[in-house]
Structure formats: structure tokens, C-alpha cells
Amino acid sequence: MDNSQPEVARTQDTTIAILSHIGGLFTSWVTPLIIYLIKKDDADKFSAENAREALNFQITLILWYIVCFVLTFVIIGIFLFWLVALGNLVFSIIAAVKASNGVVYRYPLTWRPVK
């Protein structure tokens, strides 16, 4: 991060970035979308980049959940659903920790429709 930015602003951006990742666990795409729309035009893009990554990940998860729902008719979807949910938990926590360290985390296996 740029060291010329005041410490209070950096702390606030870091907190908002963490919130965008953790908020996705509880509200799916809603929290990352709100944060992205609020922060996308700010001078410091750190929280907007984190919110965009969290939003893209949550959109991808919706698609994975749809695939799991379709696959429940052949039983395997039930197990895959829990695997996707566990991946959401693990990757969201990893992303929140990275955001607290000032790094924008790129989720694996993620379609990125929001540029």
C-alpha cells in the first residue's frame, strides 16, 4: 500500500475489505456488491478491489450451488454442496486474513464477470 495515505484511512479501508469477504459468508453477494458500489470511485482502490473479488467469488458460488442442486438427482450433489460450502468458508477466511495484511486475494476457480 501507499505509505502517503493516513493511517486511519488505511485502517478503515482494511476493515471494509475484510468485511466484504466475511460478509459474503452471511449475505452471499449482497455485502460485497454494496461495498463495491460505494467504494469503486474512491481514490484508494484497495477496498473496491477486495469487494470486487469477493463479489465475483460469491457469483461463482451461486453457479456452483446450482450445479450441485442439479447433481442432487444423482446423489453426488449432496456431497458436493457441502464441499462448496466448506470452500466458501475456507477461502473467505483466507481472503479476509490477506486483506488484513494489505493484500488483494484472488480466489481460485472463480469466474470474474465484474471487471
PDB file of N, CA and C in Angstrom:
ATOM      1  N   MET A   1       0.836  -1.187   0.000  1.00  0.00           N
ATOM      2  CA  MET A   1       0.000   0.000   0.000  1.00  0.00           C
ATOM      3  C   MET A   1       0.872   1.238   0.000  1.00  0.00           C
ATOM      4  N   ASP A   2       0.288   2.314  -0.421  1.00  0.00           N
ATOM      5  CA  ASP A   2       0.975   3.591  -0.464  1.00  0.00           C
ATOM      6  C   ASP A   2       1.134   4.128   0.951  1.00  0.00           C
ATOM      7  N   ASN A   3       2.357   4.465   1.329  1.00  0.00           N
ATOM      8  CA  ASN A   3       2.606   4.941   2.688  1.00  0.00           C
ATOM      9  C   ASN A   3       2.196   6.389   2.899  1.00  0.00           C
ATOM     10  N   SER A   4       1.847   7.112   1.835  1.00  0.00           N
ATOM     11  CA  SER A   4       1.447   8.501   1.992  1.00  0.00           C
ATOM     12  C   SER A   4       0.010   8.628   2.497  1.00  0.00           C
ATOM     13  N   GLN A   5      -0.747   7.555   2.493  1.00  0.00           N
ATOM     14  CA  GLN A   5      -2.125   7.578   2.950  1.00  0.00           C
ATOM     15  C   GLN A   5      -2.139   7.601   4.476  1.00  0.00           C
ATOM     16  N   PRO A   6      -3.018   8.400   5.072  1.00  0.00           N
ATOM     17  CA  PRO A   6      -3.086   8.445   6.535  1.00  0.00           C
ATOM     18  C   PRO A   6      -3.431   7.080   7.122  1.00  0.00           C
ATOM     19  N   GLU A   7      -2.921   6.829   8.316  1.00  0.00           N
ATOM     20  CA  GLU A   7      -3.099   5.533   8.975  1.00  0.00           C
ATOM     21  C   GLU A   7      -4.573   5.221   9.223  1.00  0.00           C
ATOM     22  N   VAL A   8      -5.367   6.213   9.611  1.00  0.00           N
ATOM     23  CA  VAL A   8      -6.788   5.992   9.886  1.00  0.00           C
ATOM     24  C   VAL A   8      -7.507   5.529   8.625  1.00  0.00           C
ATOM     25  N   ALA A   9      -7.214   6.155   7.492  1.00  0.00           N
ATOM     26  CA  ALA A   9      -7.856   5.776   6.237  1.00  0.00           C
ATOM     27  C   ALA A   9      -7.449   4.366   5.822  1.00  0.00           C
ATOM     28  N   ARG A  10      -6.167   4.033   5.991  1.00  0.00           N
ATOM     29  CA  ARG A  10      -5.719   2.679   5.651  1.00  0.00           C
ATOM     30  C   ARG A  10      -6.399   1.643   6.530  1.00  0.00           C
ATOM     31  N   THR A  11      -6.542   1.935   7.809  1.00  0.00           N
ATOM     32  CA  THR A  11      -7.210   1.016   8.725  1.00  0.00           C
ATOM     33  C   THR A  11      -8.667   0.839   8.334  1.00  0.00           C
ATOM     34  N   GLN A  12      -9.325   1.927   7.962  1.00  0.00           N
ATOM     35  CA  GLN A  12     -10.724   1.859   7.556  1.00  0.00           C
ATOM     36  C   GLN A  12     -10.867   1.041   6.263  1.00  0.00           C
ATOM     37  N   ASP A  13      -9.991   1.276   5.284  1.00  0.00           N
ATOM     38  CA  ASP A  13     -10.047   0.514   4.044  1.00  0.00           C
ATOM     39  C   ASP A  13      -9.789  -0.971   4.291  1.00  0.00           C
ATOM     40  N   THR A  14      -8.867  -1.278   5.174  1.00  0.00           N
ATOM     41  CA  THR A  14      -8.586  -2.673   5.504  1.00  0.00           C
ATOM     42  C   THR A  14      -9.796  -3.319   6.164  1.00  0.00           C
ATOM     43  N   THR A  15     -10.434  -2.607   7.075  1.00  0.00           N
ATOM     44  CA  THR A  15     -11.619  -3.138   7.750  1.00  0.00           C
ATOM     45  C   THR A  15     -12.753  -3.376   6.757  1.00  0.00           C
ATOM     46  N   ILE A  16     -12.955  -2.450   5.846  1.00  0.00           N
ATOM     47  CA  ILE A  16     -14.007  -2.603   4.840  1.00  0.00           C
ATOM     48  C   ILE A  16     -13.687  -3.768   3.910  1.00  0.00           C
ATOM     49  N   ALA A  17     -12.418  -3.928   3.557  1.00  0.00           N
ATOM     50  CA  ALA A  17     -12.015  -5.056   2.707  1.00  0.00           C
ATOM     51  C   ALA A  17     -12.279  -6.386   3.405  1.00  0.00           C
ATOM     52  N   ILE A  18     -11.948  -6.467   4.687  1.00  0.00           N
ATOM     53  CA  ILE A  18     -12.217  -7.685   5.467  1.00  0.00           C
ATOM     54  C   ILE A  18     -13.713  -7.941   5.524  1.00  0.00           C
ATOM     55  N   LEU A  19     -14.484  -6.899   5.750  1.00  0.00           N
ATOM     56  CA  LEU A  19     -15.940  -7.030   5.825  1.00  0.00           C
ATOM     57  C   LEU A  19     -16.540  -7.544   4.516  1.00  0.00           C
ATOM     58  N   SER A  20     -15.968  -7.141   3.396  1.00  0.00           N
ATOM     59  CA  SER A  20     -16.503  -7.608   2.112  1.00  0.00           C
ATOM     60  C   SER A  20     -16.324  -9.115   1.953  1.00  0.00           C
ATOM     61  N   HIS A  21     -15.227  -9.650   2.452  1.00  0.00           N
ATOM     62  CA  HIS A  21     -15.001 -11.100   2.352  1.00  0.00           C
ATOM     63  C   HIS A  21     -15.846 -11.877   3.372  1.00  0.00           C
ATOM     64  N   ILE A  22     -15.847 -11.437   4.612  1.00  0.00           N
ATOM     65  CA  ILE A  22     -16.598 -12.127   5.654  1.00  0.00           C
ATOM     66  C   ILE A  22     -18.097 -11.938   5.464  1.00  0.00           C
ATOM     67  N   GLY A  23     -18.492 -10.775   4.978  1.00  0.00           N
ATOM     68  CA  GLY A  23     -19.914 -10.521   4.724  1.00  0.00           C
ATOM     69  C   GLY A  23     -20.489 -11.475   3.695  1.00  0.00           C
ATOM     70  N   GLY A  24     -19.650 -11.910   2.756  1.00  0.00           N
ATOM     71  CA  GLY A  24     -20.098 -12.867   1.760  1.00  0.00           C
ATOM     72  C   GLY A  24     -20.514 -14.201   2.349  1.00  0.00           C
ATOM     73  N   LEU A  25     -19.944 -14.559   3.484  1.00  0.00           N
ATOM     74  CA  LEU A  25     -20.331 -15.804   4.158  1.00  0.00           C
ATOM     75  C   LEU A  25     -21.784 -15.762   4.627  1.00  0.00           C
ATOM     76  N   PHE A  26     -22.236 -14.585   5.024  1.00  0.00           N
ATOM     77  CA  PHE A  26     -23.560 -14.456   5.631  1.00  0.00           C
ATOM     78  C   PHE A  26     -24.628 -13.929   4.675  1.00  0.00           C
ATOM     79  N   THR A  27     -24.223 -13.117   3.696  1.00  0.00           N
ATOM     80  CA  THR A  27     -25.221 -12.491   2.821  1.00  0.00           C
ATOM     81  C   THR A  27     -25.003 -12.817   1.353  1.00  0.00           C
ATOM     82  N   SER A  28     -24.128 -13.749   1.066  1.00  0.00           N
ATOM     83  CA  SER A  28     -23.790 -14.130  -0.302  1.00  0.00           C
ATOM     84  C   SER A  28     -23.217 -12.925  -1.044  1.00  0.00           C
ATOM     85  N   TRP A  29     -23.852 -12.491  -2.094  1.00  0.00           N
ATOM     86  CA  TRP A  29     -23.315 -11.428  -2.948  1.00  0.00           C
ATOM     87  C   TRP A  29     -23.722 -10.032  -2.499  1.00  0.00           C
ATOM     88  N   VAL A  30     -24.634  -9.891  -1.540  1.00  0.00           N
ATOM     89  CA  VAL A  30     -25.205  -8.586  -1.187  1.00  0.00           C
ATOM     90  C   VAL A  30     -24.156  -7.651  -0.567  1.00  0.00           C
ATOM     91  N   THR A  31     -23.472  -8.101   0.472  1.00  0.00           N
ATOM     92  CA  THR A  31     -22.478  -7.245   1.134  1.00  0.00           C
ATOM     93  C   THR A  31     -21.337  -6.852   0.199  1.00  0.00           C
ATOM     94  N   PRO A  32     -20.734  -7.796  -0.539  1.00  0.00           N
ATOM     95  CA  PRO A  32     -19.675  -7.371  -1.454  1.00  0.00           C
ATOM     96  C   PRO A  32     -20.162  -6.389  -2.527  1.00  0.00           C
ATOM     97  N   LEU A  33     -21.395  -6.567  -3.002  1.00  0.00           N
ATOM     98  CA  LEU A  33     -21.931  -5.659  -4.013  1.00  0.00           C
ATOM     99  C   LEU A  33     -22.109  -4.255  -3.459  1.00  0.00           C
ATOM    100  N   ILE A  34     -22.667  -4.139  -2.273  1.00  0.00           N
ATOM    101  CA  ILE A  34     -22.880  -2.825  -1.659  1.00  0.00           C
ATOM    102  C   ILE A  34     -21.541  -2.131  -1.433  1.00  0.00           C
ATOM    103  N   ILE A  35     -20.578  -2.855  -0.892  1.00  0.00           N
ATOM    104  CA  ILE A  35     -19.261  -2.259  -0.650  1.00  0.00           C
ATOM    105  C   ILE A  35     -18.604  -1.868  -1.961  1.00  0.00           C
ATOM    106  N   TYR A  36     -18.709  -2.710  -2.966  1.00  0.00           N
ATOM    107  CA  TYR A  36     -18.110  -2.388  -4.263  1.00  0.00           C
ATOM    108  C   TYR A  36     -18.736  -1.132  -4.868  1.00  0.00           C
ATOM    109  N   LEU A  37     -20.052  -1.021  -4.813  1.00  0.00           N
ATOM    110  CA  LEU A  37     -20.716   0.146  -5.389  1.00  0.00           C
ATOM    111  C   LEU A  37     -20.373   1.433  -4.643  1.00  0.00           C
ATOM    112  N   ILE A  38     -20.176   1.336  -3.348  1.00  0.00           N
ATOM    113  CA  ILE A  38     -19.818   2.517  -2.554  1.00  0.00           C
ATOM    114  C   ILE A  38     -18.365   2.915  -2.781  1.00  0.00           C
ATOM    115  N   LYS A  39     -17.467   1.947  -2.877  1.00  0.00           N
ATOM    116  CA  LYS A  39     -16.031   2.219  -2.901  1.00  0.00           C
ATOM    117  C   LYS A  39     -15.385   2.261  -4.286  1.00  0.00           C
ATOM    118  N   LYS A  40     -16.100   1.914  -5.343  1.00  0.00           N
ATOM    119  CA  LYS A  40     -15.457   1.794  -6.655  1.00  0.00           C
ATOM    120  C   LYS A  40     -14.909   3.106  -7.204  1.00  0.00           C
ATOM    121  N   ASP A  41     -15.430   4.231  -6.763  1.00  0.00           N
ATOM    122  CA  ASP A  41     -14.965   5.526  -7.269  1.00  0.00           C
ATOM    123  C   ASP A  41     -14.014   6.242  -6.321  1.00  0.00           C
ATOM    124  N   ASP A  42     -13.648   5.611  -5.208  1.00  0.00           N
ATOM    125  CA  ASP A  42     -12.706   6.222  -4.271  1.00  0.00           C
ATOM    126  C   ASP A  42     -11.307   6.278  -4.870  1.00  0.00           C
ATOM    127  N   ALA A  43     -10.506   7.180  -4.342  1.00  0.00           N
ATOM    128  CA  ALA A  43      -9.128   7.310  -4.813  1.00  0.00           C
ATOM    129  C   ALA A  43      -8.312   6.057  -4.495  1.00  0.00           C
ATOM    130  N   ASP A  44      -8.495   5.511  -3.302  1.00  0.00           N
ATOM    131  CA  ASP A  44      -7.793   4.280  -2.933  1.00  0.00           C
ATOM    132  C   ASP A  44      -8.657   3.092  -3.326  1.00  0.00           C
ATOM    133  N   LYS A  45      -8.166   2.265  -4.203  1.00  0.00           N
ATOM    134  CA  LYS A  45      -8.943   1.165  -4.771  1.00  0.00           C
ATOM    135  C   LYS A  45      -8.834  -0.140  -3.978  1.00  0.00           C
ATOM    136  N   PHE A  46      -8.139  -0.136  -2.863  1.00  0.00           N
ATOM    137  CA  PHE A  46      -7.907  -1.376  -2.125  1.00  0.00           C
ATOM    138  C   PHE A  46      -9.208  -2.062  -1.707  1.00  0.00           C
ATOM    139  N   SER A  47     -10.094  -1.329  -1.053  1.00  0.00           N
ATOM    140  CA  SER A  47     -11.341  -1.951  -0.594  1.00  0.00           C
ATOM    141  C   SER A  47     -12.246  -2.302  -1.770  1.00  0.00           C
ATOM    142  N   ALA A  48     -12.227  -1.507  -2.838  1.00  0.00           N
ATOM    143  CA  ALA A  48     -13.040  -1.817  -4.023  1.00  0.00           C
ATOM    144  C   ALA A  48     -12.543  -3.081  -4.714  1.00  0.00           C
ATOM    145  N   GLU A  49     -11.228  -3.251  -4.799  1.00  0.00           N
ATOM    146  CA  GLU A  49     -10.672  -4.462  -5.423  1.00  0.00           C
ATOM    147  C   GLU A  49     -11.015  -5.706  -4.612  1.00  0.00           C
ATOM    148  N   ASN A  50     -10.935  -5.602  -3.295  1.00  0.00           N
ATOM    149  CA  ASN A  50     -11.303  -6.733  -2.444  1.00  0.00           C
ATOM    150  C   ASN A  50     -12.794  -7.039  -2.563  1.00  0.00           C
ATOM    151  N   ALA A  51     -13.619  -6.010  -2.589  1.00  0.00           N
ATOM    152  CA  ALA A  51     -15.063  -6.222  -2.723  1.00  0.00           C
ATOM    153  C   ALA A  51     -15.396  -6.840  -4.079  1.00  0.00           C
ATOM    154  N   ARG A  52     -14.702  -6.409  -5.133  1.00  0.00           N
ATOM    155  CA  ARG A  52     -14.937  -6.978  -6.471  1.00  0.00           C
ATOM    156  C   ARG A  52     -14.564  -8.462  -6.497  1.00  0.00           C
ATOM    157  N   GLU A  53     -13.431  -8.812  -5.900  1.00  0.00           N
ATOM    158  CA  GLU A  53     -13.033 -10.216  -5.844  1.00  0.00           C
ATOM    159  C   GLU A  53     -14.036 -11.041  -5.038  1.00  0.00           C
ATOM    160  N   ALA A  54     -14.491 -10.507  -3.909  1.00  0.00           N
ATOM    161  CA  ALA A  54     -15.479 -11.218  -3.093  1.00  0.00           C
ATOM    162  C   ALA A  54     -16.798 -11.366  -3.850  1.00  0.00           C
ATOM    163  N   LEU A  55     -17.207 -10.335  -4.574  1.00  0.00           N
ATOM    164  CA  LEU A  55     -18.433 -10.386  -5.362  1.00  0.00           C
ATOM    165  C   LEU A  55     -18.332 -11.438  -6.467  1.00  0.00           C
ATOM    166  N   ASN A  56     -17.233 -11.437  -7.186  1.00  0.00           N
ATOM    167  CA  ASN A  56     -17.038 -12.438  -8.234  1.00  0.00           C
ATOM    168  C   ASN A  56     -17.045 -13.852  -7.663  1.00  0.00           C
ATOM    169  N   PHE A  57     -16.433 -14.026  -6.508  1.00  0.00           N
ATOM    170  CA  PHE A  57     -16.417 -15.337  -5.878  1.00  0.00           C
ATOM    171  C   PHE A  57     -17.821 -15.782  -5.473  1.00  0.00           C
ATOM    172  N   GLN A  58     -18.594 -14.870  -4.907  1.00  0.00           N
ATOM    173  CA  GLN A  58     -19.950 -15.215  -4.485  1.00  0.00           C
ATOM    174  C   GLN A  58     -20.858 -15.515  -5.683  1.00  0.00           C
ATOM    175  N   ILE A  59     -20.670 -14.800  -6.794  1.00  0.00           N
ATOM    176  CA  ILE A  59     -21.418 -15.098  -8.018  1.00  0.00           C
ATOM    177  C   ILE A  59     -21.051 -16.494  -8.522  1.00  0.00           C
ATOM    178  N   THR A  60     -19.761 -16.801  -8.496  1.00  0.00           N
ATOM    179  CA  THR A  60     -19.308 -18.128  -8.913  1.00  0.00           C
ATOM    180  C   THR A  60     -19.888 -19.215  -8.009  1.00  0.00           C
ATOM    181  N   LEU A  61     -19.953 -18.937  -6.712  1.00  0.00           N
ATOM    182  CA  LEU A  61     -20.524 -19.916  -5.777  1.00  0.00           C
ATOM    183  C   LEU A  61     -21.991 -20.189  -6.087  1.00  0.00           C
ATOM    184  N   ILE A  62     -22.735 -19.167  -6.475  1.00  0.00           N
ATOM    185  CA  ILE A  62     -24.132 -19.377  -6.842  1.00  0.00           C
ATOM    186  C   ILE A  62     -24.215 -20.372  -7.992  1.00  0.00           C
ATOM    187  N   LEU A  63     -23.332 -20.206  -8.969  1.00  0.00           N
ATOM    188  CA  LEU A  63     -23.311 -21.144 -10.098  1.00  0.00           C
ATOM    189  C   LEU A  63     -22.946 -22.553  -9.638  1.00  0.00           C
ATOM    190  N   TRP A  64     -21.970 -22.659  -8.725  1.00  0.00           N
ATOM    191  CA  TRP A  64     -21.590 -23.970  -8.193  1.00  0.00           C
ATOM    192  C   TRP A  64     -22.746 -24.610  -7.425  1.00  0.00           C
ATOM    193  N   TYR A  65     -23.485 -23.795  -6.663  1.00  0.00           N
ATOM    194  CA  TYR A  65     -24.635 -24.332  -5.928  1.00  0.00           C
ATOM    195  C   TYR A  65     -25.723 -24.823  -6.878  1.00  0.00           C
ATOM    196  N   ILE A  66     -25.924 -24.127  -7.987  1.00  0.00           N
ATOM    197  CA  ILE A  66     -26.898 -24.581  -8.986  1.00  0.00           C
ATOM    198  C   ILE A  66     -26.475 -25.929  -9.563  1.00  0.00           C
ATOM    199  N   VAL A  67     -25.189 -26.062  -9.868  1.00  0.00           N
ATOM    200  CA  VAL A  67     -24.675 -27.348 -10.371  1.00  0.00           C
ATOM    201  C   VAL A  67     -24.889 -28.438  -9.325  1.00  0.00           C
ATOM    202  N   CYS A  68     -24.623 -28.126  -8.071  1.00  0.00           N
ATOM    203  CA  CYS A  68     -24.829 -29.113  -7.001  1.00  0.00           C
ATOM    204  C   CYS A  68     -26.301 -29.508  -6.887  1.00  0.00           C
ATOM    205  N   PHE A  69     -27.190 -28.530  -7.043  1.00  0.00           N
ATOM    206  CA  PHE A  69     -28.616 -28.833  -6.975  1.00  0.00           C
ATOM    207  C   PHE A  69     -29.013 -29.793  -8.094  1.00  0.00           C
ATOM    208  N   VAL A  70     -28.534 -29.529  -9.294  1.00  0.00           N
ATOM    209  CA  VAL A  70     -28.839 -30.423 -10.412  1.00  0.00           C
ATOM    210  C   VAL A  70     -28.275 -31.813 -10.149  1.00  0.00           C
ATOM    211  N   LEU A  71     -27.086 -31.874  -9.583  1.00  0.00           N
ATOM    212  CA  LEU A  71     -26.453 -33.172  -9.326  1.00  0.00           C
ATOM    213  C   LEU A  71     -27.042 -33.918  -8.129  1.00  0.00           C
ATOM    214  N   THR A  72     -27.904 -33.259  -7.343  1.00  0.00           N
ATOM    215  CA  THR A  72     -28.536 -33.981  -6.234  1.00  0.00           C
ATOM    216  C   THR A  72     -29.450 -35.083  -6.742  1.00  0.00           C
ATOM    217  N   PHE A  73     -29.886 -34.960  -7.980  1.00  0.00           N
ATOM    218  CA  PHE A  73     -30.745 -36.004  -8.537  1.00  0.00           C
ATOM    219  C   PHE A  73     -29.971 -37.289  -8.813  1.00  0.00           C
ATOM    220  N   VAL A  74     -28.648 -37.209  -8.827  1.00  0.00           N
ATOM    221  CA  VAL A  74     -27.823 -38.417  -8.923  1.00  0.00           C
ATOM    222  C   VAL A  74     -26.981 -38.581  -7.650  1.00  0.00           C
ATOM    223  N   ILE A  75     -27.478 -38.037  -6.565  1.00  0.00           N
ATOM    224  CA  ILE A  75     -26.957 -38.179  -5.206  1.00  0.00           C
ATOM    225  C   ILE A  75     -25.623 -37.443  -4.946  1.00  0.00           C
ATOM    226  N   ILE A  76     -24.732 -37.389  -5.902  1.00  0.00           N
ATOM    227  CA  ILE A  76     -23.413 -36.796  -5.651  1.00  0.00           C
ATOM    228  C   ILE A  76     -23.495 -35.308  -5.310  1.00  0.00           C
ATOM    229  N   GLY A  77     -24.538 -34.635  -5.761  1.00  0.00           N
ATOM    230  CA  GLY A  77     -24.687 -33.207  -5.497  1.00  0.00           C
ATOM    231  C   GLY A  77     -24.801 -32.875  -4.025  1.00  0.00           C
ATOM    232  N   ILE A  78     -25.349 -33.795  -3.245  1.00  0.00           N
ATOM    233  CA  ILE A  78     -25.476 -33.576  -1.801  1.00  0.00           C
ATOM    234  C   ILE A  78     -24.091 -33.423  -1.170  1.00  0.00           C
ATOM    235  N   PHE A  79     -23.164 -34.273  -1.575  1.00  0.00           N
ATOM    236  CA  PHE A  79     -21.806 -34.200  -1.045  1.00  0.00           C
ATOM    237  C   PHE A  79     -21.053 -32.993  -1.588  1.00  0.00           C
ATOM    238  N   LEU A  80     -21.266 -32.707  -2.863  1.00  0.00           N
ATOM    239  CA  LEU A  80     -20.600 -31.550  -3.467  1.00  0.00           C
ATOM    240  C   LEU A  80     -21.089 -30.239  -2.867  1.00  0.00           C
ATOM    241  N   PHE A  81     -22.364 -30.198  -2.482  1.00  0.00           N
ATOM    242  CA  PHE A  81     -22.905 -28.993  -1.849  1.00  0.00           C
ATOM    243  C   PHE A  81     -22.112 -28.649  -0.593  1.00  0.00           C
ATOM    244  N   TRP A  82     -21.841 -29.659   0.231  1.00  0.00           N
ATOM    245  CA  TRP A  82     -21.080 -29.433   1.464  1.00  0.00           C
ATOM    246  C   TRP A  82     -19.632 -29.066   1.165  1.00  0.00           C
ATOM    247  N   LEU A  83     -19.086 -29.612   0.108  1.00  0.00           N
ATOM    248  CA  LEU A  83     -17.733 -29.272  -0.292  1.00  0.00           C
ATOM    249  C   LEU A  83     -17.639 -27.812  -0.746  1.00  0.00           C
ATOM    250  N   VAL A  84     -18.622 -27.367  -1.502  1.00  0.00           N
ATOM    251  CA  VAL A  84     -18.662 -25.970  -1.945  1.00  0.00           C
ATOM    252  C   VAL A  84     -18.837 -25.035  -0.748  1.00  0.00           C
ATOM    253  N   ALA A  85     -19.714 -25.401   0.186  1.00  0.00           N
ATOM    254  CA  ALA A  85     -19.924 -24.588   1.386  1.00  0.00           C
ATOM    255  C   ALA A  85     -18.644 -24.499   2.223  1.00  0.00           C
ATOM    256  N   LEU A  86     -17.934 -25.607   2.344  1.00  0.00           N
ATOM    257  CA  LEU A  86     -16.665 -25.607   3.077  1.00  0.00           C
ATOM    258  C   LEU A  86     -15.632 -24.737   2.355  1.00  0.00           C
ATOM    259  N   GLY A  87     -15.586 -24.833   1.041  1.00  0.00           N
ATOM    260  CA  GLY A  87     -14.681 -23.985   0.257  1.00  0.00           C
ATOM    261  C   GLY A  87     -14.994 -22.513   0.448  1.00  0.00           C
ATOM    262  N   ASN A  88     -16.270 -22.172   0.513  1.00  0.00           N
ATOM    263  CA  ASN A  88     -16.672 -20.784   0.760  1.00  0.00           C
ATOM    264  C   ASN A  88     -16.119 -20.307   2.096  1.00  0.00           C
ATOM    265  N   LEU A  89     -16.280 -21.117   3.123  1.00  0.00           N
ATOM    266  CA  LEU A  89     -15.785 -20.759   4.451  1.00  0.00           C
ATOM    267  C   LEU A  89     -14.269 -20.597   4.455  1.00  0.00           C
ATOM    268  N   VAL A  90     -13.560 -21.581   3.936  1.00  0.00           N
ATOM    269  CA  VAL A  90     -12.094 -21.568   3.977  1.00  0.00           C
ATOM    270  C   VAL A  90     -11.527 -20.412   3.153  1.00  0.00           C
ATOM    271  N   PHE A  91     -11.995 -20.273   1.911  1.00  0.00           N
ATOM    272  CA  PHE A  91     -11.435 -19.231   1.048  1.00  0.00           C
ATOM    273  C   PHE A  91     -11.812 -17.826   1.513  1.00  0.00           C
ATOM    274  N   SER A  92     -13.000 -17.665   2.101  1.00  0.00           N
ATOM    275  CA  SER A  92     -13.376 -16.351   2.618  1.00  0.00           C
ATOM    276  C   SER A  92     -12.513 -15.959   3.809  1.00  0.00           C
ATOM    277  N   ILE A  93     -12.192 -16.916   4.656  1.00  0.00           N
ATOM    278  CA  ILE A  93     -11.316 -16.626   5.795  1.00  0.00           C
ATOM    279  C   ILE A  93      -9.904 -16.306   5.316  1.00  0.00           C
ATOM    280  N   ILE A  94      -9.405 -17.079   4.362  1.00  0.00           N
ATOM    281  CA  ILE A  94      -8.075 -16.797   3.814  1.00  0.00           C
ATOM    282  C   ILE A  94      -8.041 -15.401   3.207  1.00  0.00           C
ATOM    283  N   ALA A  95      -9.081 -15.048   2.449  1.00  0.00           N
ATOM    284  CA  ALA A  95      -9.139 -13.728   1.810  1.00  0.00           C
ATOM    285  C   ALA A  95      -9.208 -12.610   2.846  1.00  0.00           C
ATOM    286  N   ALA A  96      -9.953 -12.824   3.931  1.00  0.00           N
ATOM    287  CA  ALA A  96     -10.043 -11.813   4.984  1.00  0.00           C
ATOM    288  C   ALA A  96      -8.688 -11.612   5.667  1.00  0.00           C
ATOM    289  N   VAL A  97      -7.968 -12.691   5.902  1.00  0.00           N
ATOM    290  CA  VAL A  97      -6.636 -12.589   6.513  1.00  0.00           C
ATOM    291  C   VAL A  97      -5.682 -11.850   5.571  1.00  0.00           C
ATOM    292  N   LYS A  98      -5.738 -12.196   4.284  1.00  0.00           N
ATOM    293  CA  LYS A  98      -4.884 -11.499   3.309  1.00  0.00           C
ATOM    294  C   LYS A  98      -5.231 -10.015   3.258  1.00  0.00           C
ATOM    295  N   ALA A  99      -6.526  -9.686   3.291  1.00  0.00           N
ATOM    296  CA  ALA A  99      -6.948  -8.281   3.271  1.00  0.00           C
ATOM    297  C   ALA A  99      -6.451  -7.539   4.512  1.00  0.00           C
ATOM    298  N   SER A 100      -6.425  -8.229   5.648  1.00  0.00           N
ATOM    299  CA  SER A 100      -5.923  -7.582   6.864  1.00  0.00           C
ATOM    300  C   SER A 100      -4.427  -7.293   6.769  1.00  0.00           C
ATOM    301  N   ASN A 101      -3.736  -8.029   5.895  1.00  0.00           N
ATOM    302  CA  ASN A 101      -2.312  -7.790   5.665  1.00  0.00           C
ATOM    303  C   ASN A 101      -2.056  -6.835   4.506  1.00  0.00           C
ATOM    304  N   GLY A 102      -3.127  -6.293   3.924  1.00  0.00           N
ATOM    305  CA  GLY A 102      -2.970  -5.325   2.846  1.00  0.00           C
ATOM    306  C   GLY A 102      -2.811  -5.930   1.474  1.00  0.00           C
ATOM    307  N   VAL A 103      -3.258  -7.166   1.293  1.00  0.00           N
ATOM    308  CA  VAL A 103      -3.112  -7.871   0.019  1.00  0.00           C
ATOM    309  C   VAL A 103      -4.497  -8.147  -0.553  1.00  0.00           C
ATOM    310  N   VAL A 104      -4.645  -7.959  -1.862  1.00  0.00           N
ATOM    311  CA  VAL A 104      -5.888  -8.326  -2.534  1.00  0.00           C
ATOM    312  C   VAL A 104      -5.783  -9.801  -2.913  1.00  0.00           C
ATOM    313  N   TYR A 105      -6.660 -10.629  -2.348  1.00  0.00           N
ATOM    314  CA  TYR A 105      -6.635 -12.072  -2.574  1.00  0.00           C
ATOM    315  C   TYR A 105      -7.436 -12.413  -3.819  1.00  0.00           C
ATOM    316  N   ARG A 106      -6.871 -13.243  -4.681  1.00  0.00           N
ATOM    317  CA  ARG A 106      -7.576 -13.724  -5.876  1.00  0.00           C
ATOM    318  C   ARG A 106      -8.040 -15.146  -5.607  1.00  0.00           C
ATOM    319  N   TYR A 107      -9.358 -15.309  -5.541  1.00  0.00           N
ATOM    320  CA  TYR A 107      -9.944 -16.622  -5.270  1.00  0.00           C
ATOM    321  C   TYR A 107      -9.654 -17.582  -6.420  1.00  0.00           C
ATOM    322  N   PRO A 108      -9.355 -18.836  -6.104  1.00  0.00           N
ATOM    323  CA  PRO A 108      -9.151 -19.831  -7.172  1.00  0.00           C
ATOM    324  C   PRO A 108     -10.501 -20.288  -7.745  1.00  0.00           C
ATOM    325  N   LEU A 109     -10.468 -20.810  -8.956  1.00  0.00           N
ATOM    326  CA  LEU A 109     -11.649 -21.351  -9.626  1.00  0.00           C
ATOM    327  C   LEU A 109     -12.810 -20.357  -9.663  1.00  0.00           C
ATOM    328  N   THR A 110     -12.500 -19.097  -9.926  1.00  0.00           N
ATOM    329  CA  THR A 110     -13.517 -18.056  -9.893  1.00  0.00           C
ATOM    330  C   THR A 110     -13.693 -17.426 -11.251  1.00  0.00           C
ATOM    331  N   TRP A 111     -14.941 -17.343 -11.685  1.00  0.00           N
ATOM    332  CA  TRP A 111     -15.308 -16.614 -12.892  1.00  0.00           C
ATOM    333  C   TRP A 111     -15.391 -15.150 -12.507  1.00  0.00           C
ATOM    334  N   ARG A 112     -14.856 -14.255 -13.269  1.00  0.00           N
ATOM    335  CA  ARG A 112     -14.798 -12.841 -12.907  1.00  0.00           C
ATOM    336  C   ARG A 112     -15.626 -11.987 -13.880  1.00  0.00           C
ATOM    337  N   PRO A 113     -16.964 -11.994 -13.725  1.00  0.00           N
ATOM    338  CA  PRO A 113     -17.794 -11.176 -14.610  1.00  0.00           C
ATOM    339  C   PRO A 113     -17.741  -9.688 -14.290  1.00  0.00           C
ATOM    340  N   VAL A 114     -17.460  -9.329 -13.025  1.00  0.00           N
ATOM    341  CA  VAL A 114     -17.357  -7.921 -12.640  1.00  0.00           C
ATOM    342  C   VAL A 114     -15.899  -7.498 -12.805  1.00  0.00           C
ATOM    343  N   LYS A 115     -15.670  -6.576 -13.717  1.00  0.00           N
ATOM    344  CA  LYS A 115     -14.303  -6.127 -14.001  1.00  0.00           C
ATOM    345  C   LYS A 115     -13.981  -4.843 -13.282  1.00  0.00           C
TER     346      LYS A 115
END
